[in-house]
């Protein structure tokens, strides 16, 4: 389902799973409470984003391995943690997005969530090509050149900082693709644990059947 292109081979590793026949909810109160509690736990643990720096290094290594400065293009997981530590509320979109935020904040790696019905053909993890863009979710046009992207036959549809409107998860989504982005030297047993945690957490709050899953390097 996902291929790692030669230009990022040996620099990144991806963990993924698919869910079939799920049901997205406008909001799941139990999940939202868990996400809020996790943010509060981080605020009690760290007085500032700087104190959390050691836990942000894996995601930052991912960005540096592909030539991006993570303080300029923040991994989505770091953006979530900074928001939590600053006491800012999370954006509440729908239950699947909330679940993704909860898991990403738990293990501090960026993830991508996609509606599989909106993806065309094989997916490539690669660097963006000159002139490539996509419409980001609530963020306008995203320039993909020189950035790690996931792309299908229609072009890029997401990266570890921002996903696209074209493949975004909505209340009508029933089949999803969940991708965890990590640097190539990330311990595989930990990535397996994150994958299992993500699947278990998703099914705790949503119906569905697990399809494909695995680690790609």
Protein backbone atom coordinates (compact mmCIF):
# COMPACT_ATOMS: atom_id res chain seq x y z
CA UNK A 1 0.00 0.00 0.00
CA UNK A 2 2.84 2.42 0.85
CA UNK A 3 6.25 2.52 -0.79
CA UNK A 4 9.26 4.41 0.52
CA UNK A 5 10.98 6.17 -2.36
CA UNK A 6 14.77 6.06 -2.84
CA UNK A 7 15.15 9.75 -1.90
CA UNK A 8 14.00 9.03 1.68
CA UNK A 9 15.03 5.38 1.96
CA UNK A 10 17.12 4.84 5.08
CA UNK A 11 15.99 8.17 6.54
CA UNK A 12 12.44 7.38 7.67
CA UNK A 13 10.33 4.48 8.88
CA UNK A 14 6.53 4.32 8.80
CA UNK A 15 4.07 2.33 10.87
CA UNK A 16 0.56 2.05 9.51
CA UNK A 17 -2.77 0.34 9.85
CA UNK A 18 -6.12 0.48 8.12
CA UNK A 19 -9.60 0.30 9.61
CA UNK A 20 -12.66 -0.76 7.65
CA UNK A 21 -16.35 -0.09 8.32
CA UNK A 22 -15.84 2.41 11.11
CA UNK A 23 -18.11 5.26 12.15
CA UNK A 24 -16.79 8.74 12.79
CA UNK A 25 -18.55 10.71 15.53
CA UNK A 26 -18.87 14.45 15.85
CA UNK A 27 -17.47 14.10 19.37
CA UNK A 28 -16.82 11.26 21.79
CA UNK A 29 -16.99 12.69 25.31
CA UNK A 30 -14.91 9.93 26.92
CA UNK A 31 -12.16 10.35 24.33
CA UNK A 32 -12.21 14.13 24.68
CA UNK A 33 -11.90 13.80 28.45
CA UNK A 34 -8.90 11.46 28.01
CA UNK A 35 -7.23 13.94 25.65
CA UNK A 36 -7.84 16.81 28.07
CA UNK A 37 -6.47 14.79 30.98
CA UNK A 38 -3.35 13.87 29.00
CA UNK A 39 -2.72 17.57 28.29
CA UNK A 40 -3.14 18.38 31.97
CA UNK A 41 -0.67 15.63 32.91
CA UNK A 42 1.92 17.15 30.57
CA UNK A 43 1.40 20.59 32.12
CA UNK A 44 2.03 19.12 35.55
CA UNK A 45 5.12 17.30 34.31
CA UNK A 46 6.74 20.09 32.28
CA UNK A 47 6.77 23.76 33.19
CA UNK A 48 7.68 24.85 29.68
CA UNK A 49 8.20 23.41 26.17
CA UNK A 50 11.97 23.61 26.74
CA UNK A 51 11.73 21.09 29.60
CA UNK A 52 10.10 18.61 27.21
CA UNK A 53 12.87 18.90 24.58
CA UNK A 54 14.40 15.45 25.23
CA UNK A 55 11.07 13.81 24.37
CA UNK A 56 10.75 15.82 21.15
CA UNK A 57 14.07 14.68 19.68
CA UNK A 58 12.83 11.64 17.69
CA UNK A 59 10.38 13.74 15.67
CA UNK A 60 13.03 16.43 15.25
CA UNK A 61 15.53 13.83 14.02
CA UNK A 62 12.98 12.78 11.43
CA UNK A 63 12.82 16.31 10.08
CA UNK A 64 16.56 16.91 10.17
CA UNK A 65 17.18 13.63 8.34
CA UNK A 66 15.30 15.01 5.34
CA UNK A 67 16.89 18.44 5.52
CA UNK A 68 14.18 20.39 7.35
CA UNK A 69 14.66 22.52 10.44
CA UNK A 70 12.03 21.32 12.95
CA UNK A 71 11.82 24.67 14.73
CA UNK A 72 10.66 26.20 11.43
CA UNK A 73 8.45 23.34 10.21
CA UNK A 74 7.17 21.84 13.44
CA UNK A 75 6.16 18.17 13.55
CA UNK A 76 2.45 17.95 14.31
CA UNK A 77 3.20 16.05 17.53
CA UNK A 78 5.38 18.89 18.82
CA UNK A 79 2.73 21.44 17.89
CA UNK A 80 0.23 19.44 19.96
CA UNK A 81 2.53 19.30 22.97
CA UNK A 82 3.34 23.00 22.80
CA UNK A 83 -0.36 23.76 22.66
CA UNK A 84 -0.97 21.56 25.72
CA UNK A 85 1.85 23.14 27.72
CA UNK A 86 0.66 26.63 26.86
CA UNK A 87 -2.80 25.77 28.16
CA UNK A 88 -4.43 26.35 24.78
CA UNK A 89 -7.47 24.19 23.95
CA UNK A 90 -7.19 21.63 21.18
CA UNK A 91 -9.22 22.03 18.02
CA UNK A 92 -12.14 19.62 18.24
CA UNK A 93 -12.86 18.32 14.74
CA UNK A 94 -14.34 14.83 15.05
CA UNK A 95 -13.71 11.67 17.05
CA UNK A 96 -11.19 10.12 14.65
CA UNK A 97 -9.08 13.26 14.53
CA UNK A 98 -9.33 13.52 18.33
CA UNK A 99 -8.14 9.92 18.60
CA UNK A 100 -5.18 10.70 16.37
CA UNK A 101 -4.27 13.70 18.49
CA UNK A 102 -4.51 11.62 21.66
CA UNK A 103 -2.19 8.92 20.32
CA UNK A 104 0.28 11.34 18.75
CA UNK A 105 0.47 13.29 22.00
CA UNK A 106 0.95 10.04 23.92
CA UNK A 107 4.07 8.89 22.04
CA UNK A 108 5.12 12.26 20.54
CA UNK A 109 5.49 11.20 16.95
CA UNK A 110 3.57 12.82 14.09
CA UNK A 111 0.77 10.85 12.49
CA UNK A 112 -1.34 11.21 9.38
CA UNK A 113 -5.03 10.28 9.16
CA UNK A 114 -6.59 9.74 5.76
CA UNK A 115 -9.89 8.69 4.21
CA UNK A 116 -8.85 5.69 2.12
CA UNK A 117 -11.74 6.13 -0.29
CA UNK A 118 -10.20 9.44 -1.38
CA UNK A 119 -6.75 8.01 -2.11
CA UNK A 120 -6.04 6.98 -5.68
CA UNK A 121 -3.64 4.10 -6.35
CA UNK A 122 -0.36 3.32 -4.65
CA UNK A 123 1.04 5.67 -2.00
CA UNK A 124 4.64 6.85 -2.12
CA UNK A 125 6.51 8.40 0.80
CA UNK A 126 8.92 10.76 -0.95
CA UNK A 127 10.22 14.29 -1.13
CA UNK A 128 7.97 16.84 -2.74
CA UNK A 129 8.83 17.84 -6.30
CA UNK A 130 9.26 21.38 -7.64
CA UNK A 131 5.93 23.13 -7.99
CA UNK A 132 3.90 20.54 -6.08
CA UNK A 133 1.25 21.90 -3.72
CA UNK A 134 -1.88 20.74 -1.97
CA UNK A 135 -4.74 22.38 -0.11
CA UNK A 136 -4.07 22.00 3.60
CA UNK A 137 -6.80 21.51 6.18
CA UNK A 138 -7.70 25.02 7.24
CA UNK A 139 -4.22 26.25 6.35
CA UNK A 140 -4.48 27.24 2.70
CA UNK A 141 -2.10 26.02 0.02
CA UNK A 142 0.84 23.97 1.29
CA UNK A 143 4.04 23.94 -0.76
CA UNK A 144 5.36 20.39 -0.93
CA UNK A 145 8.70 20.96 -2.65
CA UNK A 146 11.59 19.80 -0.49
CA UNK A 147 9.34 18.33 2.19
CA UNK A 148 8.50 14.73 3.07
CA UNK A 149 5.07 13.89 1.66
CA UNK A 150 2.73 11.01 1.10
CA UNK A 151 1.54 11.09 -2.51
CA UNK A 152 -0.83 9.05 -4.66
CA UNK A 153 -1.62 9.18 -8.38
CA UNK A 154 -3.13 12.65 -7.93
CA UNK A 155 -0.13 14.06 -6.06
CA UNK A 156 0.77 14.91 -2.45
CA UNK A 157 -1.96 14.63 0.17
CA UNK A 158 -0.15 15.04 3.46
CA UNK A 159 3.05 15.30 5.47
CA UNK A 160 4.10 15.05 9.14
CA UNK A 161 3.07 18.67 9.72
CA UNK A 162 -0.18 19.05 7.77
CA UNK A 163 -2.66 16.88 5.90
CA UNK A 164 -4.81 17.79 2.91
CA UNK A 165 -8.45 18.65 2.47
CA UNK A 166 -8.67 16.11 -0.36
CA UNK A 167 -8.11 13.05 1.85
CA UNK A 168 -9.18 14.42 5.25
CA UNK A 169 -11.35 12.40 7.61
CA UNK A 170 -14.95 13.61 7.88
CA UNK A 171 -18.13 12.36 9.55
CA UNK A 172 -18.82 10.38 6.36
CA UNK A 173 -15.50 8.51 6.50
CA UNK A 174 -15.80 4.74 6.99
CA UNK A 175 -12.37 3.43 5.92
CA UNK A 176 -9.21 5.03 7.25
CA UNK A 177 -5.45 4.89 6.83
CA UNK A 178 -3.38 5.77 9.91
CA UNK A 179 0.34 6.47 9.43
CA UNK A 180 2.98 7.07 12.13
CA UNK A 181 6.13 8.90 10.94
CA UNK A 182 9.46 8.16 12.64
CA UNK A 183 13.19 8.55 11.93
CA UNK A 184 14.97 5.49 10.54
CA UNK A 185 16.86 4.83 13.79
CA UNK A 186 13.72 4.75 15.93
CA UNK A 187 13.63 1.52 18.00
CA UNK A 188 11.41 -0.96 16.18
CA UNK A 189 9.99 -2.51 19.35
CA UNK A 190 8.82 0.93 20.49
CA UNK A 191 7.26 1.63 17.11
CA UNK A 192 5.44 -1.72 17.31
CA UNK A 193 4.15 -0.69 20.75
CA UNK A 194 2.92 2.64 19.37
CA UNK A 195 1.18 0.84 16.53
CA UNK A 196 -0.57 -1.57 18.91
CA UNK A 197 -1.51 1.28 21.24
CA UNK A 198 -3.01 3.21 18.33
CA UNK A 199 -5.08 0.27 17.08
CA UNK A 200 -6.32 -0.57 20.57
CA UNK A 201 -7.17 3.04 21.36
CA UNK A 202 -9.00 3.51 18.08
CA UNK A 203 -11.16 0.42 18.61
CA UNK A 204 -11.86 1.45 22.19
CA UNK A 205 -13.80 4.46 20.92
CA UNK A 206 -14.93 3.37 17.43
CA UNK A 207 -16.39 0.31 15.72
CA UNK A 208 -14.42 -1.20 12.87
CA UNK A 209 -12.31 -4.03 11.54
CA UNK A 210 -8.53 -3.87 11.35
CA UNK A 211 -7.23 -4.44 7.84
CA UNK A 212 -3.60 -4.18 6.81
CA UNK A 213 -0.95 -3.14 9.32
CA UNK A 214 2.81 -3.12 9.53
CA UNK A 215 6.11 -1.26 9.53
CA UNK A 216 7.67 -0.02 6.29
CA UNK A 217 11.33 0.91 6.00
